[in-house]
Amino acid sequence: MKKIKTKLFTFFEIINPYIFKVLISFFNLKNFLLKRPKILIFTDSRGFEVTKFWNRKNPFSSYIKNIVLKYQCTVNVCPEKFTSILDFLDYYESVSYKKFDKIILHCAIVDFAPRPESSFDSMYESKVDKAKKYFIEEFISKENRAFGEKYQGEGTLSFLNYDSLFIKVLPLLKKIPNLVYVGINPVLDDWDGDYWRKRPANINDQLILDNLLINEIDEVIDMSNLDREQIMMYTSDNVHYTKAGFDYIGNKLLPLLPKL
């Protein structure tokens, strides 16, 4: 049964981006004819509901659906195994000619969360070209950094550190017009939800970097102030959102979207 479930998750992760690209194109045609504003949405895995296999990379399982129905949308949901702010910057360069009326960036937890050294190495290897492109290779190289608390026998590192974010990445984000950053909620240390193991003890160090973006970007959805009850209601595993969580984010986004 577990093998079947794994295959179904993999199948829908492959097929859903194609299905929903067609569906979004249909609504874009309608909204183009109605001369609706243009919106870019770029997310990591928090942009879709993760517990059901048919929702893998399904933007219609989140707050994104209501935006697609009303606006001309360019949607990019979790394009990489480790979907990073660097991927967003690279992608934005390729589509910036469209002059978006609003850009929603729901991404950063992959960059900010402490991860064991082996996972850091995998992410670093997959992003090394972009690390060079955005001149952060020297900042994030583990040879130049101190490891955090151990997790599963390995020292931990976040992919981005404070200096790489503040000196190199943040100035690029601040140049992007009409940007909305959707932030990171705290992780509870005594509740795992659907997640199958404990997260690193220093996981909430991610909020230090999150706070930097919250303080420096003009329009943000600050999730760092969610309390215990809200985290257990709005997330399935401290990270990924339930319907109630997506409704919460959608309601926070609503006043920031262009008026129709």
Protein backbone atom coordinates (compact mmCIF):
# COMPACT_ATOMS: atom_id res chain seq x y z
CA MET A 1 0.00 0.00 0.00
CA LYS A 2 2.84 2.37 0.87
CA LYS A 3 4.51 1.68 -2.50
CA ILE A 4 1.24 2.37 -4.34
CA LYS A 5 0.78 5.64 -2.45
CA THR A 6 4.35 6.70 -3.26
CA LYS A 7 3.79 5.98 -6.96
CA LEU A 8 0.55 7.98 -6.94
CA PHE A 9 2.29 10.97 -5.35
CA THR A 10 5.00 10.74 -8.01
CA PHE A 11 2.49 10.36 -10.84
CA PHE A 12 0.46 13.42 -9.88
CA GLU A 13 3.60 15.45 -9.21
CA ILE A 14 4.52 14.87 -12.85
CA ILE A 15 1.10 15.25 -14.47
CA ASN A 16 -0.50 18.05 -12.41
CA PRO A 17 1.76 20.88 -13.64
CA TYR A 18 0.62 20.15 -17.21
CA ILE A 19 -3.05 19.85 -16.29
CA PHE A 20 -3.14 23.07 -14.32
CA LYS A 21 -1.07 24.98 -16.86
CA VAL A 22 -3.87 24.34 -19.36
CA LEU A 23 -6.55 25.24 -16.83
CA ILE A 24 -4.79 28.47 -15.84
CA SER A 25 -4.44 29.37 -19.53
CA PHE A 26 -8.21 29.12 -19.91
CA PHE A 27 -8.84 31.55 -17.06
CA ASN A 28 -6.06 33.82 -18.31
CA LEU A 29 -7.81 34.15 -21.66
CA LYS A 30 -11.01 35.17 -19.92
CA ASN A 31 -9.21 37.63 -17.65
CA PHE A 32 -7.20 39.03 -20.57
CA LEU A 33 -10.42 39.81 -22.39
CA LEU A 34 -11.69 41.46 -19.20
CA LYS A 35 -8.43 43.46 -19.00
CA ARG A 36 -7.70 42.21 -15.50
CA PRO A 37 -4.34 42.96 -13.80
CA LYS A 38 -1.37 40.63 -14.14
CA ILE A 39 -0.06 38.65 -11.16
CA LEU A 40 2.97 36.41 -10.78
CA ILE A 41 2.83 33.71 -8.10
CA PHE A 42 5.97 31.77 -7.21
CA THR A 43 5.91 29.24 -4.37
CA ASP A 44 7.77 26.39 -2.77
CA SER A 45 5.87 23.31 -1.56
CA ARG A 46 3.74 25.53 0.71
CA GLY A 47 1.81 26.59 -2.38
CA PHE A 48 -0.28 23.42 -2.48
CA GLU A 49 -1.97 20.98 -0.09
CA VAL A 50 0.52 18.16 0.55
CA THR A 51 -1.38 15.36 2.31
CA LYS A 52 -3.40 14.10 -0.69
CA PHE A 53 -1.65 12.62 -3.71
CA TRP A 54 -3.99 14.28 -6.20
CA ASN A 55 -2.96 17.70 -4.85
CA ARG A 56 0.75 17.36 -5.63
CA LYS A 57 1.77 20.67 -7.25
CA ASN A 58 -1.90 21.54 -7.59
CA PRO A 59 -2.25 25.33 -7.19
CA PHE A 60 -6.03 24.97 -7.13
CA SER A 61 -5.70 23.25 -3.74
CA SER A 62 -4.51 26.50 -2.15
CA TYR A 63 -5.25 30.23 -2.02
CA ILE A 64 -3.86 30.45 -5.56
CA LYS A 65 -7.15 29.23 -7.04
CA ASN A 66 -9.11 32.34 -6.07
CA ILE A 67 -6.41 34.58 -7.56
CA VAL A 68 -6.31 32.63 -10.83
CA LEU A 69 -10.09 32.96 -11.18
CA LYS A 70 -9.92 36.77 -11.03
CA TYR A 71 -6.58 37.83 -12.54
CA GLN A 72 -4.19 37.11 -15.41
CA CYS A 73 -1.78 34.81 -13.58
CA THR A 74 1.64 33.40 -14.21
CA VAL A 75 2.00 30.56 -11.69
CA ASN A 76 5.13 28.60 -10.83
CA VAL A 77 4.58 26.10 -8.00
CA CYS A 78 7.58 24.30 -6.47
CA PRO A 79 9.62 23.91 -9.68
CA GLU A 80 12.67 22.37 -7.95
CA LYS A 81 13.34 19.69 -5.36
CA PHE A 82 14.86 22.50 -3.25
CA THR A 83 12.86 25.51 -4.40
CA SER A 84 14.92 28.53 -3.40
CA ILE A 85 14.77 32.31 -3.57
CA LEU A 86 17.58 31.94 -6.11
CA ASP A 87 15.20 29.99 -8.34
CA PHE A 88 12.68 32.80 -8.00
CA LEU A 89 15.23 35.46 -8.94
CA ASP A 90 16.32 33.43 -11.96
CA TYR A 91 12.73 32.80 -13.03
CA TYR A 92 11.69 36.42 -12.54
CA GLU A 93 14.45 37.51 -14.91
CA SER A 94 12.87 35.34 -17.60
CA VAL A 95 9.36 36.78 -17.23
CA SER A 96 9.93 40.33 -15.95
CA TYR A 97 9.13 41.76 -19.38
CA LYS A 98 5.44 41.11 -18.57
CA LYS A 99 5.36 43.98 -16.04
CA PHE A 100 3.28 42.39 -13.32
CA ASP A 101 0.85 44.42 -11.22
CA LYS A 102 1.64 42.22 -8.20
CA ILE A 103 4.20 39.51 -7.48
CA ILE A 104 3.57 36.99 -4.71
CA LEU A 105 6.69 35.27 -3.39
CA HIS A 106 5.82 32.34 -1.11
CA CYS A 107 9.32 30.97 -0.83
CA ALA A 108 12.31 31.02 1.59
CA ILE A 109 11.79 28.25 4.11
CA VAL A 110 14.03 25.97 2.05
CA ASP A 111 16.73 28.66 2.19
CA PHE A 112 16.32 29.57 5.86
CA ALA A 113 15.64 26.30 7.69
CA PRO A 114 18.64 24.56 9.32
CA ARG A 115 19.28 21.24 7.57
CA PRO A 116 21.75 18.40 8.23
CA GLU A 117 25.08 18.62 6.43
CA SER A 118 24.23 15.90 3.90
CA SER A 119 21.04 17.73 2.90
CA PHE A 120 22.91 21.03 2.73
CA ASP A 121 25.47 19.40 0.43
CA SER A 122 22.69 18.13 -1.86
CA MET A 123 21.04 21.53 -2.03
CA TYR A 124 24.35 23.33 -2.51
CA GLU A 125 25.28 21.02 -5.38
CA SER A 126 21.93 21.65 -7.07
CA LYS A 127 22.25 25.45 -6.69
CA VAL A 128 25.95 26.00 -7.26
CA ASP A 129 25.46 27.64 -10.66
CA LYS A 130 22.91 30.07 -9.26
CA ALA A 131 25.07 30.68 -6.18
CA LYS A 132 27.82 31.79 -8.56
CA LYS A 133 25.41 33.83 -10.66
CA TYR A 134 24.24 35.81 -7.63
CA PHE A 135 27.72 36.01 -6.06
CA ILE A 136 26.89 34.24 -2.81
CA GLU A 137 29.10 31.17 -3.18
CA GLU A 138 31.74 32.49 -0.77
CA PHE A 139 29.10 33.48 1.80
CA ILE A 140 27.31 30.14 1.95
CA SER A 141 30.22 27.74 1.51
CA LYS A 142 30.27 25.51 4.59
CA GLU A 143 34.04 25.93 4.87
CA ASN A 144 33.40 29.55 5.89
CA ARG A 145 30.59 28.86 8.38
CA ALA A 146 29.98 27.39 11.81
CA PHE A 147 27.61 24.43 12.11
CA GLY A 148 24.54 24.59 14.32
CA GLU A 149 23.06 21.94 16.59
CA LYS A 150 23.28 18.35 15.45
CA TYR A 151 20.33 16.61 13.79
CA GLN A 152 20.41 12.88 13.14
CA GLY A 153 24.10 12.87 13.97
CA GLU A 154 25.03 15.71 11.61
CA GLY A 155 25.73 19.38 12.17
CA THR A 156 23.16 21.75 10.65
CA LEU A 157 23.38 24.71 8.30
CA SER A 158 20.79 26.82 6.53
CA PHE A 159 21.38 27.22 2.80
CA LEU A 160 21.43 31.02 3.02
CA ASN A 161 22.97 32.80 5.97
CA TYR A 162 22.42 36.35 7.21
CA ASP A 163 25.25 37.94 5.21
CA SER A 164 24.32 36.31 1.90
CA LEU A 165 20.71 37.37 2.37
CA PHE A 166 21.39 40.90 3.58
CA ILE A 167 24.29 41.79 1.29
CA LYS A 168 23.39 40.00 -1.96
CA VAL A 169 19.85 38.58 -2.13
CA LEU A 170 17.77 41.19 -0.33
CA PRO A 171 18.90 44.13 -2.52
CA LEU A 172 17.76 42.16 -5.58
CA LEU A 173 14.38 41.44 -4.01
CA LYS A 174 13.92 45.10 -3.08
CA LYS A 175 14.39 46.10 -6.71
CA ILE A 176 11.41 44.00 -7.79
CA PRO A 177 8.31 46.20 -8.06
CA ASN A 178 5.00 45.22 -6.46
CA LEU A 179 6.50 42.33 -4.48
CA VAL A 180 4.61 40.62 -1.64
CA TYR A 181 6.56 38.23 0.58
CA VAL A 182 4.62 35.48 2.38
CA GLY A 183 6.62 34.58 5.47
CA ILE A 184 7.28 31.59 7.71
CA ASN A 185 5.38 30.48 10.80
CA PRO A 186 7.11 29.11 13.91
CA VAL A 187 7.52 25.36 14.37
CA LEU A 188 6.18 23.78 17.56
CA ASP A 189 8.70 21.55 19.31
CA ASP A 190 6.09 19.27 20.91
CA TRP A 191 3.75 18.73 17.95
CA ASP A 192 4.68 17.15 14.61
CA GLY A 193 1.29 16.83 12.94
CA ASP A 194 1.55 14.57 9.89
CA TYR A 195 5.33 14.82 9.72
CA TRP A 196 6.98 11.47 10.38
CA ARG A 197 9.88 12.64 12.55
CA LYS A 198 11.09 15.48 14.72
CA ARG A 199 12.49 18.54 13.03
CA PRO A 200 15.87 19.99 14.06
CA ALA A 201 15.93 21.50 17.56
CA ASN A 202 17.18 24.80 16.09
CA ILE A 203 14.53 24.90 13.35
CA ASN A 204 13.14 28.27 14.47
CA ASP A 205 16.47 29.93 13.67
CA GLN A 206 14.76 30.30 10.28
CA LEU A 207 12.68 33.10 11.80
CA ILE A 208 15.78 35.30 12.14
CA LEU A 209 16.20 35.42 8.37
CA ASP A 210 12.45 35.59 7.84
CA ASN A 211 12.36 38.63 10.12
CA LEU A 212 14.96 40.36 7.96
CA LEU A 213 12.67 40.11 4.93
CA ILE A 214 9.63 41.14 6.96
CA ASN A 215 11.41 44.29 8.09
CA GLU A 216 12.90 45.19 4.71
CA ILE A 217 10.20 44.34 2.13
CA ASP A 218 7.33 46.80 1.90
CA GLU A 219 4.44 44.36 1.56
CA VAL A 220 4.51 41.15 3.58
CA ILE A 221 2.23 38.51 5.05
CA ASP A 222 3.83 38.01 8.45
CA MET A 223 3.25 34.44 9.62
CA SER A 224 5.78 34.56 12.46
CA ASN A 225 3.18 35.75 14.97
CA LEU A 226 0.91 32.69 14.68
CA ASP A 227 0.20 31.15 18.07
CA ARG A 228 0.11 27.46 19.01
CA GLU A 229 -3.58 26.96 18.24
CA GLN A 230 -3.27 28.67 14.88
CA ILE A 231 -0.23 26.62 13.87
CA MET A 232 -2.04 23.38 14.71
CA MET A 233 -5.15 24.56 12.83
CA TYR A 234 -3.49 26.17 9.82
CA THR A 235 -0.77 23.59 9.14
CA SER A 236 -0.70 19.82 8.75
CA ASP A 237 2.90 19.45 9.91
CA ASN A 238 4.15 22.84 11.19
CA VAL A 239 5.09 23.86 7.63
CA HIS A 240 2.49 22.98 4.97
CA TYR A 241 -0.97 24.47 5.09
CA THR A 242 -4.46 23.10 5.58
CA LYS A 243 -7.54 24.61 3.95
CA ALA A 244 -7.92 26.86 7.00
CA GLY A 245 -4.31 27.97 6.58
CA PHE A 246 -4.74 28.74 2.91
CA ASP A 247 -7.92 30.68 3.71
CA TYR A 248 -5.96 32.68 6.29
CA ILE A 249 -3.22 33.55 3.79
CA GLY A 250 -5.77 34.33 1.07
CA ASN A 251 -7.61 36.73 3.36
CA LYS A 252 -4.35 38.46 4.26
CA LEU A 253 -3.42 38.78 0.57
CA LEU A 254 -6.81 40.14 -0.52
CA PRO A 255 -6.27 43.81 0.45
CA LEU A 256 -2.83 43.79 -1.22
CA LEU A 257 -4.11 42.62 -4.61
CA PRO A 258 -4.97 45.09 -7.39
CA LYS A 259 -8.49 46.42 -7.28
CA LEU A 260 -10.88 45.07 -9.90
